[in-house]
Protein backbone atom coordinates (compact mmCIF):
# COMPACT_ATOMS: atom_id res chain seq x y z
CA MET A 1 -38.87 22.55 37.55
CA ASN A 2 -38.33 21.10 40.99
CA VAL A 3 -35.37 19.43 42.65
CA ASP A 4 -36.53 15.94 41.73
CA ASP A 5 -36.49 16.86 38.02
CA VAL A 6 -32.97 18.25 38.29
CA VAL A 7 -31.75 15.14 40.09
CA ALA A 8 -33.44 12.88 37.51
CA GLU A 9 -31.73 14.80 34.67
CA LYS A 10 -28.35 14.48 36.36
CA ILE A 11 -28.87 10.76 36.89
CA ALA A 12 -29.86 10.31 33.24
CA ALA A 13 -26.80 12.28 32.10
CA ALA A 14 -24.53 10.17 34.31
CA ARG A 15 -26.02 6.96 32.89
CA ALA A 16 -25.51 8.24 29.35
CA ARG A 17 -21.86 9.06 30.12
CA ALA A 18 -21.34 5.62 31.65
CA GLU A 19 -22.86 3.90 28.61
CA ALA A 20 -20.70 5.97 26.25
CA ALA A 21 -17.60 5.05 28.23
CA LYS A 22 -18.62 1.39 28.13
CA ARG A 23 -19.03 1.54 24.34
CA ARG A 24 -15.61 3.23 23.98
CA ARG A 25 -13.95 0.55 26.11
CA ALA A 26 -15.61 -2.19 24.08
CA ALA A 27 -14.47 -0.60 20.81
CA LEU A 28 -10.91 -0.26 22.10
CA ALA A 29 -10.91 -3.86 23.33
CA ALA A 30 -12.10 -5.08 19.93
CA ALA A 31 -9.43 -3.04 18.16
CA ARG A 32 -6.81 -4.40 20.54
CA GLN A 33 -7.89 -7.97 19.85
CA ARG A 34 -7.70 -7.37 16.09
CA GLY A 35 -4.24 -5.86 16.51
CA LEU A 36 -3.02 -8.74 18.63
CA ALA A 37 -4.37 -11.25 16.11
CA ALA A 38 -2.64 -9.42 13.27
CA ARG A 39 0.59 -9.26 15.25
CA HIS A 40 0.43 -12.98 15.98
CA ALA A 41 -0.28 -13.81 12.34
CA GLN A 42 2.67 -11.67 11.22
CA LYS A 43 4.91 -13.40 13.76
CA LEU A 44 3.88 -16.79 12.38
CA ARG A 45 4.51 -15.58 8.80
CA ASN A 46 7.94 -14.32 9.83
CA GLN A 47 8.77 -17.64 11.49
CA ALA A 48 7.62 -19.57 8.44
CA SER A 49 9.67 -17.43 6.09
CA ALA A 50 12.74 -17.82 8.33
CA ARG A 51 12.74 -21.57 7.82
CA THR A 52 15.07 -22.82 5.12
CA ALA A 53 14.57 -25.69 2.73
CA ASP A 54 16.46 -28.17 4.91
CA GLY A 55 14.32 -27.37 7.96
CA THR A 56 16.79 -25.27 9.90
CA VAL A 57 15.67 -22.01 11.40
CA THR A 58 17.55 -18.73 11.12
CA ASP A 59 17.21 -16.10 13.82
CA THR A 60 16.97 -12.52 12.69
CA VAL A 61 19.39 -10.25 14.51
CA THR A 62 18.52 -6.59 15.11
CA ASP A 63 21.22 -5.25 12.76
CA GLY A 64 19.52 -6.90 9.78
CA THR A 65 21.84 -9.88 9.50
CA THR A 66 20.79 -13.43 10.18
CA LYS A 67 22.51 -16.19 12.03
CA GLU A 68 21.78 -19.87 11.72
CA ASN A 69 21.10 -22.04 14.77
């Protein structure tokens, strides 16, 4: 085994690590997008359920009570 073989192995290992990191980042980005979409959908559901029959909107206050605008 000569120096060129060792260098080639190190380069191949570095490329493999870079590809693995790229796949991890892509998986995390996809999971983040799904989470953001779910969060947005839940927000829209919450807004829709906050509307009353006469069209007024109630704001939810952090202590669990609601106030009407």
